[in-house]
Amino acid sequence: NFKPTSEVLEEVRRLGYLYDSSLAVYKLYPGLRLPDLPEFPNTLPSSVLRLPLPLSRRILRFCVRRLPLTVLDYHPWEAVRMEGVRWDLRFSTGEASLRKLGILLGELRGEGVEFLTLGEALSSLGREEG
C-alpha cells in the first residue's frame, strides 16, 4: 500500500500539482507535514466498491447523504482479473468490479448525486486549476 511521506507530498506540490488526493480519512499519518496544497482525502478504500452490491450501495448512500464531499478512487488494476496476489487485492476484480461500479454510479446519478472531478471541486472552493 502507498504510504505518503512529508517529502513525497512536498514533491507533489513542487512538481506543480494544484491539489492532492494521496491521503485517506480512515488512516492516521503521525508526524506528516502537509504542504500548502489543497488535499481531498479519499473517503473510503476502493475495496468498498468491490464488496457485494447491497453492502457497497448502503455505504455509498450513507456517505453521499451525510458528507459534504465523498471522494472515491478506483485503480486501473481493479478493472482486470487479478491472479497471484493477496486475496483482498483480487477479490471481485475484473468484469465483476466494472459491472458493480457501473451499477452503483448509475444508481447514484439517478438519485441526483452530482459527480465532480477534483479540479471542479477545487473551483467550487474558489481556487482555480492552472
N, C-alpha and C. Protein backbone atom coordinates (compact mmCIF):
# COMPACT_ATOMS: atom_id res chain seq x y z
N ASN A 1 0.83 -1.20 0.00
CA ASN A 1 0.00 0.00 0.00
C ASN A 1 0.86 1.25 0.00
N PHE A 2 0.39 2.26 -0.68
CA PHE A 2 1.09 3.54 -0.74
C PHE A 2 1.03 4.23 0.61
N LYS A 3 2.17 4.64 1.11
CA LYS A 3 2.24 5.36 2.38
C LYS A 3 2.91 6.71 2.12
N PRO A 4 2.11 7.77 2.02
CA PRO A 4 2.69 9.07 1.71
C PRO A 4 3.56 9.59 2.84
N THR A 5 4.64 10.25 2.47
CA THR A 5 5.52 10.90 3.44
C THR A 5 5.46 12.40 3.20
N SER A 6 5.96 13.16 4.16
CA SER A 6 6.01 14.61 4.02
C SER A 6 6.81 14.99 2.77
N GLU A 7 7.91 14.26 2.53
CA GLU A 7 8.76 14.56 1.38
C GLU A 7 8.04 14.29 0.06
N VAL A 8 7.29 13.20 -0.01
CA VAL A 8 6.55 12.88 -1.23
C VAL A 8 5.49 13.95 -1.50
N LEU A 9 4.76 14.34 -0.47
CA LEU A 9 3.72 15.36 -0.66
C LEU A 9 4.31 16.70 -1.05
N GLU A 10 5.47 17.04 -0.49
CA GLU A 10 6.14 18.29 -0.88
C GLU A 10 6.59 18.21 -2.34
N GLU A 11 7.04 17.05 -2.77
CA GLU A 11 7.44 16.87 -4.17
C GLU A 11 6.24 17.01 -5.11
N VAL A 12 5.09 16.51 -4.69
CA VAL A 12 3.87 16.67 -5.49
C VAL A 12 3.59 18.17 -5.70
N ARG A 13 3.71 18.95 -4.63
CA ARG A 13 3.50 20.40 -4.73
C ARG A 13 4.56 21.03 -5.62
N ARG A 14 5.82 20.65 -5.41
CA ARG A 14 6.93 21.23 -6.18
C ARG A 14 6.79 20.96 -7.68
N LEU A 15 6.23 19.81 -8.02
CA LEU A 15 6.05 19.46 -9.43
C LEU A 15 4.91 20.23 -10.10
N GLY A 16 4.20 21.03 -9.30
CA GLY A 16 3.18 21.90 -9.89
C GLY A 16 1.75 21.42 -9.76
N TYR A 17 1.54 20.34 -9.04
CA TYR A 17 0.16 19.89 -8.85
C TYR A 17 -0.59 20.93 -8.02
N LEU A 18 -1.86 21.10 -8.30
CA LEU A 18 -2.66 22.12 -7.63
C LEU A 18 -3.50 21.56 -6.50
N TYR A 19 -3.61 20.24 -6.41
CA TYR A 19 -4.35 19.56 -5.34
C TYR A 19 -3.85 18.13 -5.26
N ASP A 20 -4.22 17.45 -4.19
CA ASP A 20 -3.75 16.09 -3.97
C ASP A 20 -4.86 15.25 -3.37
N SER A 21 -4.77 13.95 -3.60
CA SER A 21 -5.72 13.01 -3.00
C SER A 21 -5.00 11.74 -2.58
N SER A 22 -3.80 11.91 -2.01
CA SER A 22 -2.99 10.77 -1.60
C SER A 22 -3.37 10.23 -0.23
N LEU A 23 -4.04 11.04 0.57
CA LEU A 23 -4.37 10.63 1.93
C LEU A 23 -5.76 10.03 1.99
N ALA A 24 -6.08 9.42 3.12
CA ALA A 24 -7.40 8.82 3.32
C ALA A 24 -7.92 9.22 4.69
N VAL A 25 -9.21 9.49 4.78
CA VAL A 25 -9.78 9.90 6.07
C VAL A 25 -9.77 8.76 7.08
N TYR A 26 -9.63 7.53 6.63
CA TYR A 26 -9.70 6.37 7.51
C TYR A 26 -8.32 5.88 7.96
N LYS A 27 -7.25 6.66 7.70
CA LYS A 27 -5.90 6.28 8.12
C LYS A 27 -5.29 7.40 8.95
N LEU A 28 -4.36 7.03 9.81
CA LEU A 28 -3.62 8.00 10.61
C LEU A 28 -2.25 8.23 9.97
N TYR A 29 -1.77 9.46 10.04
CA TYR A 29 -0.47 9.81 9.47
C TYR A 29 0.32 10.59 10.52
N PRO A 30 0.80 9.92 11.57
CA PRO A 30 1.52 10.65 12.62
C PRO A 30 2.78 11.33 12.08
N GLY A 31 2.94 12.60 12.43
CA GLY A 31 4.13 13.35 12.05
C GLY A 31 4.14 13.84 10.61
N LEU A 32 3.10 13.59 9.86
CA LEU A 32 3.07 14.01 8.45
C LEU A 32 2.88 15.52 8.36
N ARG A 33 3.76 16.18 7.62
CA ARG A 33 3.63 17.61 7.36
C ARG A 33 3.02 17.79 5.98
N LEU A 34 1.95 18.56 5.93
CA LEU A 34 1.27 18.79 4.66
C LEU A 34 1.76 20.08 4.02
N PRO A 35 2.08 20.05 2.72
CA PRO A 35 2.47 21.28 2.04
C PRO A 35 1.25 22.16 1.82
N ASP A 36 1.51 23.37 1.35
CA ASP A 36 0.41 24.29 1.03
C ASP A 36 -0.22 23.83 -0.28
N LEU A 37 -1.09 22.85 -0.16
CA LEU A 37 -1.71 22.21 -1.32
C LEU A 37 -3.06 21.67 -0.87
N PRO A 38 -4.14 22.05 -1.54
CA PRO A 38 -5.44 21.50 -1.14
C PRO A 38 -5.42 19.98 -1.17
N GLU A 39 -5.92 19.38 -0.13
CA GLU A 39 -5.95 17.91 -0.01
C GLU A 39 -7.40 17.45 -0.02
N PHE A 40 -7.71 16.52 -0.89
CA PHE A 40 -9.03 15.90 -0.96
C PHE A 40 -8.86 14.43 -0.57
N PRO A 41 -8.90 14.12 0.72
CA PRO A 41 -8.65 12.74 1.13
C PRO A 41 -9.74 11.78 0.66
N ASN A 42 -9.31 10.57 0.34
CA ASN A 42 -10.26 9.53 -0.03
C ASN A 42 -11.17 9.23 1.15
N THR A 43 -12.45 9.13 0.89
CA THR A 43 -13.43 8.87 1.93
C THR A 43 -13.45 7.40 2.32
N LEU A 44 -13.29 6.54 1.33
CA LEU A 44 -13.40 5.09 1.54
C LEU A 44 -12.29 4.38 0.78
N PRO A 45 -11.87 3.22 1.26
CA PRO A 45 -10.94 2.44 0.44
C PRO A 45 -11.65 1.96 -0.82
N SER A 46 -10.92 1.84 -1.90
CA SER A 46 -11.54 1.42 -3.16
C SER A 46 -12.16 0.04 -3.05
N SER A 47 -11.71 -0.77 -2.11
CA SER A 47 -12.26 -2.12 -1.95
C SER A 47 -13.75 -2.08 -1.60
N VAL A 48 -14.24 -0.97 -1.05
CA VAL A 48 -15.67 -0.86 -0.75
C VAL A 48 -16.50 -1.01 -2.02
N LEU A 49 -15.95 -0.54 -3.13
CA LEU A 49 -16.66 -0.65 -4.41
C LEU A 49 -16.69 -2.08 -4.93
N ARG A 50 -15.89 -2.97 -4.32
CA ARG A 50 -15.86 -4.36 -4.76
C ARG A 50 -16.60 -5.30 -3.80
N LEU A 51 -17.18 -4.75 -2.76
CA LEU A 51 -17.98 -5.55 -1.83
C LEU A 51 -19.27 -5.99 -2.52
N PRO A 52 -20.02 -6.92 -1.93
CA PRO A 52 -21.32 -7.26 -2.52
C PRO A 52 -22.16 -5.99 -2.71
N LEU A 53 -22.85 -5.94 -3.82
CA LEU A 53 -23.59 -4.74 -4.23
C LEU A 53 -24.48 -4.14 -3.15
N PRO A 54 -25.29 -4.93 -2.43
CA PRO A 54 -26.15 -4.31 -1.40
C PRO A 54 -25.34 -3.59 -0.31
N LEU A 55 -24.19 -4.13 0.05
CA LEU A 55 -23.36 -3.51 1.08
C LEU A 55 -22.69 -2.24 0.54
N SER A 56 -22.10 -2.31 -0.65
CA SER A 56 -21.50 -1.12 -1.27
C SER A 56 -22.52 -0.01 -1.41
N ARG A 57 -23.70 -0.37 -1.84
CA ARG A 57 -24.79 0.60 -2.05
C ARG A 57 -25.10 1.32 -0.74
N ARG A 58 -25.25 0.59 0.35
CA ARG A 58 -25.58 1.21 1.65
C ARG A 58 -24.48 2.14 2.12
N ILE A 59 -23.24 1.69 1.99
CA ILE A 59 -22.11 2.50 2.45
C ILE A 59 -22.02 3.80 1.64
N LEU A 60 -22.10 3.69 0.33
CA LEU A 60 -22.01 4.89 -0.52
C LEU A 60 -23.16 5.85 -0.28
N ARG A 61 -24.35 5.33 -0.18
CA ARG A 61 -25.51 6.21 0.08
C ARG A 61 -25.35 6.93 1.41
N PHE A 62 -24.88 6.23 2.42
CA PHE A 62 -24.64 6.85 3.73
C PHE A 62 -23.67 8.03 3.58
N CYS A 63 -22.57 7.79 2.86
CA CYS A 63 -21.55 8.84 2.71
C CYS A 63 -22.06 10.04 1.93
N VAL A 64 -22.70 9.81 0.79
CA VAL A 64 -23.12 10.96 -0.03
C VAL A 64 -24.25 11.75 0.63
N ARG A 65 -25.00 11.12 1.51
CA ARG A 65 -26.07 11.85 2.21
C ARG A 65 -25.56 12.63 3.40
N ARG A 66 -24.45 12.21 3.99
CA ARG A 66 -24.02 12.82 5.24
C ARG A 66 -22.73 13.64 5.15
N LEU A 67 -22.00 13.51 4.07
CA LEU A 67 -20.73 14.23 3.95
C LEU A 67 -20.83 15.31 2.87
N PRO A 68 -20.13 16.42 3.05
CA PRO A 68 -20.18 17.47 2.03
C PRO A 68 -19.51 17.05 0.73
N LEU A 69 -18.54 16.15 0.82
CA LEU A 69 -17.84 15.65 -0.37
C LEU A 69 -17.41 14.21 -0.10
N THR A 70 -17.75 13.32 -0.99
CA THR A 70 -17.31 11.93 -0.90
C THR A 70 -16.32 11.71 -2.03
N VAL A 71 -15.08 11.37 -1.67
CA VAL A 71 -14.03 11.17 -2.67
C VAL A 71 -13.79 9.67 -2.82
N LEU A 72 -13.96 9.19 -4.05
CA LEU A 72 -13.75 7.78 -4.36
C LEU A 72 -12.53 7.63 -5.25
N ASP A 73 -11.82 6.54 -5.08
CA ASP A 73 -10.77 6.22 -6.04
C ASP A 73 -11.03 4.81 -6.57
N TYR A 74 -10.56 4.59 -7.77
CA TYR A 74 -10.71 3.29 -8.41
C TYR A 74 -9.44 3.09 -9.23
N HIS A 75 -8.73 2.02 -8.93
CA HIS A 75 -7.45 1.77 -9.58
C HIS A 75 -7.62 0.99 -10.88
N PRO A 76 -6.81 1.26 -11.88
CA PRO A 76 -6.89 0.51 -13.14
C PRO A 76 -6.78 -1.00 -12.93
N TRP A 77 -5.97 -1.44 -11.96
CA TRP A 77 -5.80 -2.88 -11.75
C TRP A 77 -7.08 -3.54 -11.25
N GLU A 78 -8.02 -2.76 -10.73
CA GLU A 78 -9.28 -3.34 -10.26
C GLU A 78 -10.20 -3.71 -11.43
N ALA A 79 -9.89 -3.18 -12.61
CA ALA A 79 -10.72 -3.44 -13.78
C ALA A 79 -10.30 -4.71 -14.53
N VAL A 80 -9.23 -5.35 -14.07
CA VAL A 80 -8.78 -6.60 -14.70
C VAL A 80 -8.77 -7.70 -13.65
N ARG A 81 -8.94 -8.92 -14.08
CA ARG A 81 -8.95 -10.06 -13.15
C ARG A 81 -7.54 -10.26 -12.62
N MET A 82 -7.39 -10.19 -11.31
CA MET A 82 -6.08 -10.31 -10.68
C MET A 82 -5.80 -11.76 -10.30
N GLU A 83 -4.58 -12.18 -10.52
CA GLU A 83 -4.12 -13.51 -10.11
C GLU A 83 -2.75 -13.35 -9.46
N GLY A 84 -2.41 -14.26 -8.56
CA GLY A 84 -1.08 -14.27 -7.97
C GLY A 84 -0.82 -13.17 -6.97
N VAL A 85 -1.86 -12.56 -6.44
CA VAL A 85 -1.72 -11.52 -5.41
C VAL A 85 -2.61 -11.89 -4.22
N ARG A 86 -2.45 -11.16 -3.12
CA ARG A 86 -3.27 -11.43 -1.94
C ARG A 86 -4.75 -11.47 -2.31
N TRP A 87 -5.53 -12.27 -1.58
CA TRP A 87 -6.95 -12.44 -1.88
C TRP A 87 -7.71 -11.12 -1.84
N ASP A 88 -7.35 -10.23 -0.90
CA ASP A 88 -8.10 -8.97 -0.79
C ASP A 88 -7.83 -8.04 -1.97
N LEU A 89 -6.74 -8.26 -2.68
CA LEU A 89 -6.47 -7.45 -3.87
C LEU A 89 -7.12 -8.02 -5.12
N ARG A 90 -7.39 -9.31 -5.12
CA ARG A 90 -8.01 -9.91 -6.31
C ARG A 90 -9.51 -10.12 -6.16
N PHE A 91 -10.02 -9.94 -4.94
CA PHE A 91 -11.45 -10.14 -4.69
C PHE A 91 -12.28 -9.22 -5.57
N SER A 92 -13.15 -9.80 -6.35
CA SER A 92 -14.12 -9.07 -7.16
C SER A 92 -13.48 -8.03 -8.08
N THR A 93 -12.38 -8.42 -8.74
CA THR A 93 -11.77 -7.54 -9.73
C THR A 93 -12.25 -7.95 -11.12
N GLY A 94 -11.88 -7.19 -12.11
CA GLY A 94 -12.23 -7.52 -13.49
C GLY A 94 -13.65 -7.11 -13.85
N GLU A 95 -14.28 -7.93 -14.70
CA GLU A 95 -15.63 -7.62 -15.19
C GLU A 95 -16.64 -7.43 -14.06
N ALA A 96 -16.55 -8.25 -13.02
CA ALA A 96 -17.48 -8.12 -11.89
C ALA A 96 -17.35 -6.74 -11.24
N SER A 97 -16.12 -6.28 -11.09
CA SER A 97 -15.87 -4.98 -10.49
C SER A 97 -16.41 -3.85 -11.36
N LEU A 98 -16.14 -3.93 -12.66
CA LEU A 98 -16.63 -2.90 -13.58
C LEU A 98 -18.15 -2.87 -13.62
N ARG A 99 -18.76 -4.04 -13.60
CA ARG A 99 -20.23 -4.12 -13.64
C ARG A 99 -20.83 -3.47 -12.38
N LYS A 100 -20.28 -3.82 -11.21
CA LYS A 100 -20.78 -3.23 -9.95
C LYS A 100 -20.57 -1.72 -9.92
N LEU A 101 -19.40 -1.28 -10.37
CA LEU A 101 -19.11 0.15 -10.38
C LEU A 101 -20.12 0.88 -11.26
N GLY A 102 -20.40 0.35 -12.43
CA GLY A 102 -21.38 0.96 -13.32
C GLY A 102 -22.77 1.03 -12.71
N ILE A 103 -23.17 -0.04 -12.05
CA ILE A 103 -24.49 -0.06 -11.39
C ILE A 103 -24.54 0.99 -10.28
N LEU A 104 -23.52 1.00 -9.41
CA LEU A 104 -23.51 1.93 -8.28
C LEU A 104 -23.53 3.39 -8.74
N LEU A 105 -22.66 3.72 -9.68
CA LEU A 105 -22.60 5.11 -10.15
C LEU A 105 -23.88 5.50 -10.88
N GLY A 106 -24.44 4.58 -11.64
CA GLY A 106 -25.71 4.85 -12.33
C GLY A 106 -26.84 5.09 -11.35
N GLU A 107 -26.91 4.28 -10.30
CA GLU A 107 -27.96 4.47 -9.30
C GLU A 107 -27.81 5.81 -8.59
N LEU A 108 -26.58 6.14 -8.20
CA LEU A 108 -26.35 7.41 -7.51
C LEU A 108 -26.69 8.59 -8.41
N ARG A 109 -26.29 8.51 -9.66
CA ARG A 109 -26.62 9.59 -10.62
C ARG A 109 -28.13 9.71 -10.76
N GLY A 110 -28.83 8.57 -10.82
CA GLY A 110 -30.29 8.57 -10.91
C GLY A 110 -30.96 9.16 -9.69
N GLU A 111 -30.27 9.13 -8.55
CA GLU A 111 -30.80 9.72 -7.31
C GLU A 111 -30.41 11.19 -7.17
N GLY A 112 -29.76 11.73 -8.20
CA GLY A 112 -29.42 13.15 -8.18
C GLY A 112 -28.05 13.48 -7.61
N VAL A 113 -27.23 12.47 -7.35
CA VAL A 113 -25.88 12.74 -6.84
C VAL A 113 -25.06 13.37 -7.96
N GLU A 114 -24.37 14.45 -7.62
CA GLU A 114 -23.54 15.16 -8.60
C GLU A 114 -22.11 14.62 -8.53
N PHE A 115 -21.54 14.30 -9.66
CA PHE A 115 -20.17 13.82 -9.74
C PHE A 115 -19.29 14.94 -10.25
N LEU A 116 -18.16 15.14 -9.59
CA LEU A 116 -17.20 16.19 -9.95
C LEU A 116 -15.81 15.60 -10.08
N THR A 117 -15.00 16.22 -10.91
CA THR A 117 -13.58 15.93 -10.86
C THR A 117 -13.01 16.70 -9.66
N LEU A 118 -11.82 16.36 -9.23
CA LEU A 118 -11.22 17.12 -8.13
C LEU A 118 -10.93 18.55 -8.57
N GLY A 119 -10.64 18.76 -9.84
CA GLY A 119 -10.45 20.12 -10.35
C GLY A 119 -11.72 20.95 -10.20
N GLU A 120 -12.87 20.34 -10.49
CA GLU A 120 -14.14 21.04 -10.32
C GLU A 120 -14.41 21.31 -8.84
N ALA A 121 -14.06 20.38 -7.98
CA ALA A 121 -14.23 20.59 -6.53
C ALA A 121 -13.34 21.74 -6.07
N LEU A 122 -12.13 21.81 -6.60
CA LEU A 122 -11.22 22.90 -6.27
C LEU A 122 -11.81 24.24 -6.69
N SER A 123 -12.37 24.30 -7.88
CA SER A 123 -13.01 25.54 -8.37
C SER A 123 -14.17 25.95 -7.48
N SER A 124 -14.92 24.97 -6.98
CA SER A 124 -16.06 25.29 -6.12
C SER A 124 -15.61 25.88 -4.79
N LEU A 125 -14.34 25.67 -4.44
CA LEU A 125 -13.78 26.25 -3.22
C LEU A 125 -13.20 27.65 -3.48
N GLY A 126 -13.32 28.12 -4.74
CA GLY A 126 -12.83 29.45 -5.07
C GLY A 126 -11.39 29.46 -5.55
N ARG A 127 -10.81 28.30 -5.79
CA ARG A 127 -9.45 28.22 -6.32
C ARG A 127 -9.53 27.61 -7.70
N GLU A 128 -8.75 28.10 -8.60
CA GLU A 128 -8.81 27.65 -9.99
C GLU A 128 -7.67 26.70 -10.31
N GLU A 129 -7.96 25.80 -11.24
CA GLU A 129 -6.90 24.95 -11.78
C GLU A 129 -6.01 25.81 -12.67
N GLY A 130 -4.76 25.37 -12.83
CA GLY A 130 -3.81 26.13 -13.64
C GLY A 130 -3.99 25.99 -15.09
